[in-house]
Each structure stands twice: as structure tokens, then as C-alpha cells.
Amino acid sequence: MPDTYAVIGNPIAHSKSPLIHAEFSKQTRQDMYYETILAPPNGFAAAIEDFQQNGGKGMNVTVPFKIEAYKISTRLTEQATAAQAVNTLVFDGNEIYGDNTDGTGLIRDIVTNLDFAITTKRVLLCGAGGAARGIMLPLLKQEPRMLAISNRTIQKAHKLRQQFSSYKNIVSGNYADIAGKEFDLIINATSASLIGKPLPLPLSTFATESLAYDIMYGDKNTPFLQFARKEGATYLSDGIGMLVEQAAESFFIWRGVRPETKLLIEMLNQKN
């Protein structure tokens, strides 16, 4: 009987995770089954308990349950602790192991797939919510020259900087504060692309040979990427690669084998 895994969220019908993990399991010849679970807003804990009792081995967790997954985990990785959110669960008896693979997926996509080195670069992180918090530690471990956090609500940007105050190369503020500054890598970790809105970035923010990266994805360039192209960003990327790479990291945690991702990323990009 195959081992059972799932992705849980609300909504969940749009999730590409079943397709991704089906490809991974076929590629690596793993005997496993992956399903979607739609949980009501107040039904996360009950859904987890039911899944465990039926022999489920592990889960991916998406909105709006990542913080709840963090709270129910009995053991957490460094990345999950830093993010205060969990997107990958492993069930081992009475223990629930919680990890956050979003940052790992982002770094692998940027550094390996896009061949863009982050070390010594000037990085601008747009947003200070859960998505930004989930990628902060992996970004900082790449040792950028400077990491600036910009957010509409300046207090949230300052709070995120303070959470990682052991790193001395972080600055925070609102979008007006970065006027006149150039960045080599600009990451949109806000929800603006979901509602089709551009970010209030100042002009001349993109340095020569810069990369604009939106963690969201769609069937065309997001407003952020459209703005980046007009402003002279050399490289553009949406979050499809990050999606696949964070899934590959979850798969590795569960199965102990790392799938190849390049062809799957290309396939998903063709569908977008």
C-alpha cells in the first residue's frame, strides 16, 4: 500500500502540488499517493488528526494554516522557528516535525536555476508579512552586502529587521526611504500581484544586471515584473521555480531522495 501525503489549505483546488509530487514520485519511483485536503478555517487540527489516524506520513501546508502548523509542531527546524510558520509536516508516532522549505526553494531557484549569485549583492525585500519572514534567514545566509526591507506599514518592516537583529547588514523602512538607491536583486514578497496591483517602488531602483523576482506566478508577467522590465531590470522571474524547488525539498525530507526539477519547471512555465 503506498504511503500517503497531502497538501492542506483553504482554498486548495488551484494547488499545483499534486501534479508536482506525482511527477517527483514517478521520476524517483517512489510508492506514494498525494492528495488535496480542503479544511474549514477552524478545522485544521481536526483534519491533521484524521490524516494521522489514517496513516498519513506527511503534509504540505498552505494558506491560511502555516501558523497553525507551526503551533502544533512538536519539533521545529531553524528555518521554521525563524519564519514562525510551517509548510512541511512529517508525522512520526506522536511527534510532529515542522519545517519551512520556502526559503530553501527560493534560494535554489535564484542561485542554481537562474545562476544569480546573492553573495555581496544589494537585496531589496518588498513586504514584511509571512512570506517575507519565511525567506529572511535563507537570504541572510547567502551573505548579501545589504538587505533592505520595504513595506507600506513601516512598523512591520522595522519589526522584521529587529527579529534578525543579529545580522548587521539589514535596513528597514517604507518605499519612499529607498528613493535614490539601487539594488541588484529585488524580491516581491507582498500580495500585491494577487490583486493585480503594482508596488510603489521609486524610479531607478534596479541596478545594472539586476534580477526582479516575484514569488507569485501567473499566466503573464505580474504588475511588479512589468514595472521591472520598464525600469531596466536585466532578468525577470516569477515564483514557479520557487514553488517546484520548495516542493522538492519537502519531497527530500519525506523520501530521502532529491528529484530533478528543471524539466518540471520548464513544463509548468509552458502552461503559464
Protein backbone atom coordinates (compact mmCIF):
# COMPACT_ATOMS: atom_id res chain seq x y z
CA MET A 1 0.00 0.00 0.00
CA PRO A 2 1.51 3.37 -0.97
CA ASP A 3 2.48 5.94 1.65
CA THR A 4 0.03 8.83 1.78
CA TYR A 5 0.89 12.55 1.68
CA ALA A 6 -1.27 15.61 1.15
CA VAL A 7 -1.44 19.37 0.81
CA ILE A 8 -3.90 21.11 3.12
CA GLY A 9 -5.30 24.60 2.70
CA ASN A 10 -8.36 26.73 2.01
CA PRO A 11 -8.82 27.23 -0.90
CA ILE A 12 -6.93 24.24 -2.31
CA ALA A 13 -8.42 23.30 -5.72
CA HIS A 14 -5.92 25.55 -7.54
CA SER A 15 -2.87 23.85 -5.98
CA LYS A 16 -0.19 22.54 -8.32
CA SER A 17 1.30 20.38 -5.54
CA PRO A 18 -0.46 17.12 -6.58
CA LEU A 19 0.88 17.47 -10.12
CA ILE A 20 4.38 18.31 -8.87
CA HIS A 21 4.60 15.44 -6.40
CA ALA A 22 3.09 12.98 -8.89
CA GLU A 23 5.92 13.89 -11.27
CA PHE A 24 8.50 13.57 -8.49
CA SER A 25 7.23 10.16 -7.36
CA LYS A 26 7.14 8.85 -10.95
CA GLN A 27 10.63 10.16 -11.63
CA THR A 28 12.12 8.65 -8.44
CA ARG A 29 9.92 5.52 -8.46
CA GLN A 30 8.53 6.13 -5.01
CA ASP A 31 5.45 4.20 -3.89
CA MET A 32 3.33 7.08 -2.62
CA TYR A 33 -0.01 8.80 -3.05
CA TYR A 34 -0.55 12.57 -2.78
CA GLU A 35 -3.94 14.21 -2.28
CA THR A 36 -5.52 17.58 -1.51
CA ILE A 37 -7.39 18.34 1.71
CA LEU A 38 -9.75 21.28 1.96
CA ALA A 39 -10.06 22.16 5.64
CA PRO A 40 -12.57 24.67 7.03
CA PRO A 41 -10.97 27.75 8.65
CA ASN A 42 -11.48 26.32 12.14
CA GLY A 43 -10.91 22.69 11.19
CA PHE A 44 -7.14 22.42 10.70
CA ALA A 45 -6.33 20.48 13.89
CA ALA A 46 -9.18 18.01 13.31
CA ALA A 47 -8.06 17.42 9.71
CA ILE A 48 -4.48 16.78 10.85
CA GLU A 49 -5.62 14.31 13.50
CA ASP A 50 -7.82 12.46 11.00
CA PHE A 51 -4.99 12.30 8.46
CA GLN A 52 -2.57 10.92 11.05
CA GLN A 53 -5.04 8.32 12.31
CA ASN A 54 -5.44 7.09 8.73
CA GLY A 55 -1.71 6.54 8.40
CA GLY A 56 -0.71 9.75 6.64
CA LYS A 57 3.06 10.25 6.54
CA GLY A 58 3.46 13.95 5.80
CA MET A 59 1.82 17.12 4.61
CA ASN A 60 2.42 20.35 2.78
CA VAL A 61 0.61 23.27 4.38
CA THR A 62 -0.57 26.35 2.52
CA VAL A 63 -2.66 29.40 3.38
CA PRO A 64 -4.21 30.03 5.81
CA PHE A 65 -2.77 27.29 8.03
CA LYS A 66 1.01 27.80 8.12
CA ILE A 67 0.96 29.48 11.54
CA GLU A 68 -1.33 26.80 12.97
CA ALA A 69 1.04 24.15 11.60
CA TYR A 70 3.87 25.94 13.41
CA LYS A 71 1.93 25.85 16.66
CA ILE A 72 1.07 22.14 16.54
CA SER A 73 4.61 21.02 15.64
CA THR A 74 6.44 19.29 18.47
CA ARG A 75 9.84 19.71 16.80
CA LEU A 76 10.90 22.61 14.58
CA THR A 77 13.80 23.33 12.27
CA GLU A 78 15.81 26.53 12.46
CA GLN A 79 14.05 27.85 9.36
CA ALA A 80 10.58 27.11 10.70
CA THR A 81 11.45 28.78 14.00
CA ALA A 82 12.75 31.87 12.21
CA ALA A 83 9.71 32.02 9.91
CA GLN A 84 7.25 31.27 12.74
CA ALA A 85 5.38 29.31 10.09
CA VAL A 86 5.48 25.74 8.78
CA ASN A 87 4.76 24.48 5.27
CA THR A 88 6.03 20.91 5.64
CA LEU A 89 4.97 18.37 8.25
CA VAL A 90 6.31 14.90 8.98
CA PHE A 91 4.32 12.57 11.24
CA ASP A 92 6.39 10.15 13.31
CA GLY A 93 4.36 8.45 16.00
CA ASN A 94 3.26 11.12 18.43
CA GLU A 95 5.82 13.60 17.14
CA ILE A 96 5.08 16.24 14.51
CA TYR A 97 8.18 17.56 12.77
CA GLY A 98 7.70 21.04 11.26
CA ASP A 99 9.87 22.68 8.61
CA ASN A 100 9.62 25.65 6.27
CA THR A 101 11.07 24.98 2.82
CA ASP A 102 10.00 28.25 1.15
CA GLY A 103 13.33 29.99 1.68
CA THR A 104 15.32 26.97 0.55
CA GLY A 105 13.18 26.80 -2.59
CA LEU A 106 13.71 30.49 -3.31
CA ILE A 107 17.48 30.32 -2.91
CA ARG A 108 17.81 27.18 -5.00
CA ASP A 109 15.78 28.75 -7.79
CA ILE A 110 17.72 32.02 -7.79
CA VAL A 111 21.22 30.67 -7.24
CA THR A 112 21.09 27.31 -9.04
CA ASN A 113 18.37 27.58 -11.67
CA LEU A 114 18.81 31.26 -12.57
CA ASP A 115 22.57 31.25 -11.87
CA PHE A 116 22.34 34.53 -9.96
CA ALA A 117 24.73 34.87 -7.02
CA ILE A 118 23.30 36.67 -3.97
CA THR A 119 26.55 36.93 -2.02
CA THR A 120 27.79 40.57 -1.81
CA LYS A 121 24.71 41.82 -3.70
CA ARG A 122 22.37 44.62 -2.61
CA VAL A 123 18.98 43.00 -1.97
CA LEU A 124 15.60 44.65 -1.57
CA LEU A 125 12.84 42.58 0.01
CA CYS A 126 9.39 44.06 -0.61
CA GLY A 127 6.93 43.07 2.09
CA ALA A 128 7.20 42.19 5.76
CA GLY A 129 4.46 39.59 6.23
CA GLY A 130 4.59 35.82 6.50
CA ALA A 131 6.04 35.26 3.02
CA ALA A 132 8.89 37.68 3.69
CA ARG A 133 9.55 36.22 7.13
CA GLY A 134 9.76 32.74 5.62
CA ILE A 135 12.62 33.66 3.28
CA MET A 136 14.63 36.03 5.51
CA LEU A 137 17.00 33.53 7.12
CA PRO A 138 17.99 31.70 3.91
CA LEU A 139 18.52 35.07 2.22
CA LEU A 140 20.77 36.32 5.03
CA LYS A 141 22.78 33.10 4.99
CA GLN A 142 23.72 33.93 1.40
CA GLU A 143 25.65 36.91 2.85
CA PRO A 144 24.34 39.79 0.73
CA ARG A 145 26.17 43.08 1.11
CA MET A 146 22.94 44.63 2.35
CA LEU A 147 19.33 43.54 2.79
CA ALA A 148 16.72 46.30 2.77
CA ILE A 149 13.15 45.58 3.87
CA SER A 150 10.47 47.88 2.45
CA ASN A 151 6.84 47.76 3.44
CA ARG A 152 3.84 50.09 3.26
CA THR A 153 3.46 49.78 7.04
CA ILE A 154 6.88 50.86 8.25
CA GLN A 155 6.43 49.36 11.73
CA LYS A 156 6.16 45.86 10.22
CA ALA A 157 9.41 46.39 8.31
CA HIS A 158 11.19 47.50 11.49
CA LYS A 159 9.78 44.54 13.43
CA LEU A 160 11.09 42.08 10.85
CA ARG A 161 14.53 43.71 10.92
CA GLN A 162 14.59 43.50 14.72
CA GLN A 163 13.73 39.80 14.61
CA PHE A 164 17.01 39.24 12.74
CA SER A 165 19.00 41.90 14.59
CA SER A 166 21.99 39.57 14.98
CA TYR A 167 22.65 40.33 11.30
CA LYS A 168 24.11 43.83 10.98
CA ASN A 169 23.52 44.35 7.25
CA ILE A 170 19.73 44.89 7.41
CA VAL A 171 17.90 48.20 6.99
CA SER A 172 14.16 48.76 7.02
CA GLY A 173 11.67 51.43 6.05
CA ASN A 174 8.89 52.28 3.64
CA TYR A 175 9.16 52.60 -0.13
CA ALA A 176 9.97 56.31 -0.02
CA ASP A 177 13.05 55.54 2.08
CA ILE A 178 14.76 53.70 -0.79
CA ALA A 179 14.47 56.57 -3.27
CA GLY A 180 17.85 57.16 -4.90
CA LYS A 181 19.16 53.69 -4.03
CA GLU A 182 19.86 50.88 -6.49
CA PHE A 183 19.55 47.14 -5.87
CA ASP A 184 20.91 44.08 -7.63
CA LEU A 185 18.08 41.78 -6.53
CA ILE A 186 14.53 42.92 -5.78
CA ILE A 187 12.09 40.33 -4.44
CA ASN A 188 8.37 40.96 -4.28
CA ALA A 189 7.06 39.03 -1.26
CA THR A 190 3.84 41.05 -0.98
CA SER A 191 0.34 40.00 -2.02
CA ALA A 192 0.09 42.90 -4.48
CA SER A 193 0.43 40.63 -7.51
CA LEU A 194 -2.53 38.53 -6.36
CA ILE A 195 -4.81 41.54 -6.72
CA GLY A 196 -3.10 42.91 -9.82
CA LYS A 197 -1.55 45.97 -8.22
CA PRO A 198 1.99 47.31 -8.75
CA LEU A 199 4.28 48.23 -5.88
CA PRO A 200 5.01 51.90 -5.13
CA LEU A 201 8.69 51.48 -5.95
CA PRO A 202 10.68 54.63 -6.72
CA LEU A 203 12.12 55.01 -10.21
CA SER A 204 15.72 53.95 -10.90
CA THR A 205 15.67 51.23 -8.23
CA PHE A 206 17.02 48.46 -10.48
CA ALA A 207 20.79 48.37 -10.87
CA THR A 208 22.62 47.23 -13.99
CA GLU A 209 22.40 43.43 -14.38
CA SER A 210 19.65 43.27 -11.73
CA LEU A 211 17.14 40.48 -11.14
CA ALA A 212 13.47 41.17 -10.38
CA TYR A 213 11.87 38.16 -8.67
CA ASP A 214 8.18 37.83 -7.83
CA ILE A 215 7.30 34.92 -5.54
CA MET A 216 3.82 34.93 -7.12
CA TYR A 217 3.18 33.48 -10.55
CA GLY A 218 0.53 33.55 -13.24
CA ASP A 219 -0.11 33.21 -16.95
CA LYS A 220 1.61 36.54 -17.69
CA ASN A 221 4.09 38.88 -16.06
CA THR A 222 2.83 40.35 -12.79
CA PRO A 223 2.50 44.15 -12.44
CA PHE A 224 5.75 44.09 -10.45
CA LEU A 225 7.62 42.32 -13.25
CA GLN A 226 6.07 44.61 -15.87
CA PHE A 227 7.32 47.62 -13.92
CA ALA A 228 10.75 46.00 -13.51
CA ARG A 229 11.04 45.46 -17.26
CA LYS A 230 10.19 49.11 -17.97
CA GLU A 231 12.70 50.22 -15.34
CA GLY A 232 15.54 48.26 -16.92
CA ALA A 233 15.82 45.09 -14.83
CA THR A 234 18.00 42.71 -16.82
CA TYR A 235 16.45 39.48 -15.54
CA LEU A 236 12.83 38.69 -14.63
CA SER A 237 11.43 35.66 -12.85
CA ASP A 238 8.16 34.67 -11.25
CA GLY A 239 7.76 32.11 -8.45
CA ILE A 240 7.17 28.90 -10.43
CA GLY A 241 10.75 27.77 -9.82
CA MET A 242 10.45 28.52 -6.11
CA LEU A 243 7.19 26.54 -5.99
CA VAL A 244 8.83 23.49 -7.54
CA GLU A 245 12.03 23.77 -5.51
CA GLN A 246 10.27 24.12 -2.15
CA ALA A 247 8.22 21.04 -3.10
CA ALA A 248 11.42 19.18 -4.00
CA GLU A 249 12.83 20.00 -0.57
CA SER A 250 9.66 18.67 1.09
CA PHE A 251 9.92 15.53 -1.04
CA PHE A 252 13.54 15.05 0.05
CA ILE A 253 12.56 15.44 3.72
CA TRP A 254 9.85 12.80 3.32
CA ARG A 255 11.52 10.29 1.00
CA GLY A 256 15.27 10.86 1.35
CA VAL A 257 15.75 11.34 -2.38
CA ARG A 258 16.02 14.65 -4.23
CA PRO A 259 14.11 14.82 -7.52
CA GLU A 260 15.25 16.67 -10.61
CA THR A 261 13.36 19.91 -11.08
CA LYS A 262 14.50 21.56 -14.31
CA LEU A 263 12.17 19.80 -16.76
CA LEU A 264 9.17 20.22 -14.46
CA ILE A 265 9.82 23.96 -14.10
CA GLU A 266 10.04 24.25 -17.88
CA MET A 267 6.78 22.30 -18.28
CA LEU A 268 4.91 24.50 -15.81
CA ASN A 269 6.27 27.65 -17.40
CA GLN A 270 4.93 26.49 -20.78
CA LYS A 271 1.47 26.04 -19.26
CA ASN A 272 1.51 29.55 -17.77
